[in-house]
Protein backbone atom coordinates (compact mmCIF):
# COMPACT_ATOMS: atom_id res chain seq x y z
CA MET A 1 -14.37 -50.15 22.38
CA ARG A 2 -12.25 -46.81 22.55
CA SER A 3 -8.92 -46.91 23.72
CA VAL A 4 -5.75 -44.86 24.22
CA TYR A 5 -2.44 -45.36 23.49
CA ILE A 6 0.03 -42.69 25.70
CA SER A 7 3.46 -43.73 24.10
CA ASN A 8 7.12 -41.55 25.00
CA ILE A 9 9.52 -42.10 22.47
CA LYS A 10 11.94 -43.80 24.33
CA LYS A 11 9.77 -46.64 24.21
CA LEU A 12 8.98 -46.35 21.09
CA HIS A 13 12.73 -46.90 20.18
CA LYS A 14 12.87 -49.58 22.95
CA LYS A 15 9.61 -51.53 22.91
CA GLY A 16 9.16 -51.13 19.21
CA LYS A 17 7.75 -54.86 19.45
CA VAL A 18 5.36 -54.13 21.39
CA CYS A 19 3.81 -51.52 19.73
CA THR A 20 3.92 -53.38 16.37
CA GLU A 21 1.82 -56.12 18.41
CA ARG A 22 -0.56 -53.82 19.29
CA ALA A 23 -0.61 -52.05 16.00
CA GLU A 24 -1.06 -55.90 14.32
CA ASN A 25 -4.10 -57.01 17.19
CA SER A 26 -5.82 -53.86 16.14
CA THR A 27 -5.48 -54.22 12.62
CA LYS A 28 -6.79 -57.77 13.49
CA LYS A 29 -9.89 -56.62 14.89
CA MET A 30 -10.42 -52.95 12.82
CA GLY A 31 -8.75 -53.75 9.91
CA ALA A 32 -6.75 -50.44 8.50
CA PRO A 33 -6.75 -47.79 10.61
CA ASN A 34 -8.93 -44.69 8.44
CA HIS A 35 -11.78 -43.59 10.53
CA HIS A 36 -10.50 -45.45 13.34
CA VAL A 37 -7.99 -43.84 14.59
CA LEU A 38 -6.67 -40.84 15.60
CA PRO A 39 -3.08 -40.16 15.89
CA ILE A 40 -2.54 -36.94 17.46
CA ASN A 41 1.32 -35.91 17.81
CA ILE A 42 1.72 -33.51 20.88
CA ASP A 43 5.19 -33.33 20.79
CA ASN A 44 6.79 -33.22 17.33
CA THR A 45 7.44 -36.73 17.87
CA PRO A 46 9.89 -37.85 14.68
CA LEU A 47 7.73 -39.99 12.09
CA GLU A 48 10.18 -42.13 11.82
CA SER A 49 9.91 -43.14 15.31
CA ILE A 50 6.07 -43.78 14.80
CA PRO A 51 4.60 -47.43 14.47
CA PRO A 52 3.41 -47.88 11.09
CA TYR A 53 -0.02 -48.25 11.76
CA LEU A 54 -0.49 -45.15 12.92
CA LYS A 55 1.62 -43.67 10.19
CA ALA A 56 -0.68 -45.61 7.52
CA THR A 57 -3.49 -42.86 8.87
CA THR A 58 -3.14 -39.08 8.84
CA ILE A 59 -1.59 -37.56 11.79
CA LEU A 60 -2.96 -34.43 14.02
CA ASN A 61 -0.14 -32.29 14.85
CA PRO A 62 -2.05 -29.62 16.84
CA ILE A 63 -0.39 -26.10 17.37
CA GLY A 64 -2.67 -24.34 19.64
CA ASP A 65 -6.05 -26.15 21.85
CA ILE A 66 -5.64 -30.00 21.54
CA VAL A 67 -9.13 -30.60 22.69
CA ILE A 68 -10.64 -28.38 20.00
CA GLU A 69 -8.33 -29.70 17.47
CA THR A 70 -9.25 -32.73 18.26
CA LYS A 71 -12.82 -31.69 18.04
CA VAL A 72 -12.41 -30.92 14.42
CA ALA A 73 -10.20 -33.87 13.04
CA ALA A 74 -12.76 -35.86 15.00
CA SER A 75 -15.29 -34.43 13.18
CA ASN A 76 -13.84 -34.63 9.76
CA LEU A 77 -13.58 -38.28 10.54
CA LEU A 78 -17.72 -38.11 10.90
CA LYS A 79 -18.52 -36.33 8.10
CA GLY A 80 -17.55 -39.64 6.37
CA GLY A 81 -20.86 -41.40 7.41
CA ARG A 82 -19.30 -42.66 10.20
CA ALA A 83 -20.71 -42.71 13.72
CA ILE A 84 -18.75 -41.48 16.70
CA LYS A 85 -18.74 -45.06 18.32
CA ASN A 86 -16.71 -46.04 15.04
CA ILE A 87 -13.86 -43.38 16.58
CA ALA A 88 -12.19 -46.43 18.04
CA LYS A 89 -9.16 -45.12 19.10
CA ILE A 90 -7.42 -41.48 19.52
CA ALA A 91 -3.61 -42.55 20.06
CA PHE A 92 -1.32 -39.76 21.85
CA ILE A 93 2.50 -39.68 21.04
CA ALA A 94 4.47 -38.02 23.27
CA THR A 95 8.63 -37.78 24.85
CA ALA A 96 8.65 -38.56 28.28
CA ALA A 97 8.76 -34.77 29.15
CA THR A 98 5.38 -34.56 27.94
CA ALA A 99 4.01 -37.94 29.06
CA ALA A 100 1.71 -36.50 32.37
CA THR A 101 0.28 -33.69 29.92
CA ALA A 102 -0.78 -36.44 28.13
CA ALA A 103 -2.07 -38.15 30.42
CA THR A 104 -4.22 -35.36 31.38
CA TYR A 105 -5.66 -35.27 27.60
CA PHE A 106 -6.43 -38.96 27.93
CA ALA A 107 -8.59 -37.88 31.06
CA ASN A 108 -10.13 -35.29 28.53
CA ILE A 109 -11.84 -37.82 25.92
CA SER A 110 -14.65 -38.10 27.49
CA GLU A 111 -15.29 -33.85 27.52
CA ILE A 112 -14.34 -34.45 23.77
CA GLU A 113 -16.70 -36.62 23.45
CA TYR A 114 -19.28 -34.47 25.25
CA ARG A 115 -18.44 -31.75 22.94
CA LEU A 116 -18.96 -33.81 19.57
CA LEU A 117 -22.56 -34.47 20.82
CA GLY A 118 -23.91 -31.15 20.51
CA CYS A 119 -26.20 -31.87 23.12
CA LYS A 120 -29.22 -29.10 22.92
CA PHE A 121 -31.61 -27.56 25.48
CA GLY A 122 -34.94 -27.35 25.17
CA GLY A 123 -36.59 -26.14 28.50
CA ARG A 124 -36.16 -29.34 30.61
CA VAL A 125 -34.45 -28.45 34.07
CA GLY A 126 -34.71 -31.17 37.02
CA GLN A 127 -33.23 -33.35 39.37
CA VAL A 128 -31.80 -37.17 37.91
CA GLU A 129 -32.72 -39.93 39.47
CA ILE A 130 -29.92 -42.99 38.96
CA VAL A 131 -31.38 -46.89 38.78
CA ASN A 132 -28.91 -49.21 39.00
CA ASN A 133 -30.36 -52.46 38.16
CA SER A 134 -27.31 -54.39 37.98
CA LEU A 135 -25.71 -56.32 40.93
CA TYR A 136 -22.49 -53.79 41.16
CA PRO A 137 -21.75 -50.40 42.52
CA LEU A 138 -21.63 -47.97 38.98
CA GLU A 139 -19.67 -44.51 38.52
CA ILE A 140 -21.59 -41.76 37.60
CA LYS A 141 -20.35 -38.71 36.05
CA TYR A 142 -22.20 -35.74 35.52
CA TYR A 143 -20.43 -32.72 32.08
CA HIS A 144 -21.32 -29.29 32.42
CA PRO A 145 -22.58 -27.92 29.14
CA ASN A 146 -20.54 -24.32 29.96
CA ASN A 147 -17.46 -25.66 29.75
CA TYR A 148 -17.97 -29.57 28.67
CA LYS A 149 -15.50 -30.37 31.86
CA GLU A 150 -16.76 -33.31 34.25
CA TYR A 151 -18.78 -31.64 36.89
CA ILE A 152 -19.16 -34.54 39.58
CA ARG A 153 -18.94 -37.81 39.99
CA PHE A 154 -20.47 -41.02 42.30
CA PHE A 155 -20.81 -44.26 42.83
CA VAL A 156 -24.77 -45.56 42.71
CA ASN A 157 -24.54 -49.58 44.13
CA GLY A 158 -25.97 -52.17 42.45
CA GLN A 159 -30.01 -52.89 42.74
CA SER A 160 -30.44 -49.29 44.19
CA SER A 161 -31.38 -45.86 42.66
CA HIS A 162 -29.79 -42.43 43.71
CA THR A 163 -31.15 -38.72 43.27
CA GLU A 164 -28.69 -35.75 43.58
CA GLN A 165 -30.18 -33.06 44.94
CA PHE A 166 -29.22 -30.49 42.39
CA ASN A 167 -31.18 -29.41 39.14
CA VAL A 168 -29.62 -30.27 35.91
CA GLY A 169 -30.52 -29.31 32.54
CA GLU A 170 -31.04 -31.69 29.47
CA ASP A 171 -28.10 -30.75 27.56
CA TRP A 172 -25.88 -32.06 30.30
CA GLY A 173 -23.88 -34.90 29.50
CA ILE A 174 -23.92 -38.12 31.45
CA LYS A 175 -21.97 -41.35 31.78
CA ILE A 176 -22.51 -44.30 32.89
CA GLY A 177 -19.68 -46.50 33.78
CA SER A 178 -17.23 -47.34 30.78
CA ARG A 179 -19.88 -45.97 28.58
CA ARG A 180 -19.39 -43.32 26.20
CA VAL A 181 -20.94 -40.13 27.34
CA GLN A 182 -24.39 -39.34 26.27
CA CYS A 183 -26.63 -36.81 25.98
CA LEU A 184 -28.59 -36.56 29.07
CA ALA A 185 -31.99 -35.95 27.05
CA THR A 186 -31.45 -39.03 25.24
CA ALA A 187 -29.84 -41.45 28.22
CA SER A 188 -33.01 -40.18 30.67
CA GLU A 189 -37.04 -40.59 30.66
CA TRP A 190 -39.04 -37.59 31.50
CA LYS A 191 -41.31 -38.24 34.54
CA ASP A 192 -43.00 -35.53 37.00
CA LYS A 193 -40.41 -33.24 35.91
CA LYS A 194 -37.31 -35.22 36.88
CA PHE A 195 -34.68 -37.02 34.62
CA ILE A 196 -34.88 -41.01 35.16
CA VAL A 197 -31.88 -42.74 33.69
CA PHE A 198 -32.21 -46.08 34.02
CA THR A 199 -28.35 -48.05 33.75
CA ASP A 200 -29.67 -50.73 32.33
CA LYS A 201 -30.75 -49.06 29.11
């Protein structure tokens, strides 16, 4: 499970009960927030305004590139022997003035995940065939290795396949539906100079 809380200071004051309930639910599901939650204070929200659950672990106060600093902080969590899937939550704490900015960073979570993967290029380049064996359409997103940003997105209908008419390298990132971003090299099979991605694997 992966989720992001984008909170503004007024809601933290007026809806403290809601925040507390969310924290309690998170505690029941995951226990203590260490190694599971990465709170990021992007607008100097006062400590006393932050829900107790988020204060129970180290809060990141970025002063430069929030994506890079989040990558480093998340990497430090991983050094404790935790797999990337165990970083269950990244919490953004913002005032109303920067809530829109926080929403932008919410969209960048997959880019952060992609950076953390450290996908390597081994020389394989080709088209990608997406084979959707499910009954429902799935959204597919590609991430470019040069800037880690989303390159293209499209839907593949259920019980069908789709091939984009351009070549990509094995170090590209791919996101299938609501799953985490994966390196194309590990998410696919290499056959006849083409990457084959089965959405049910």
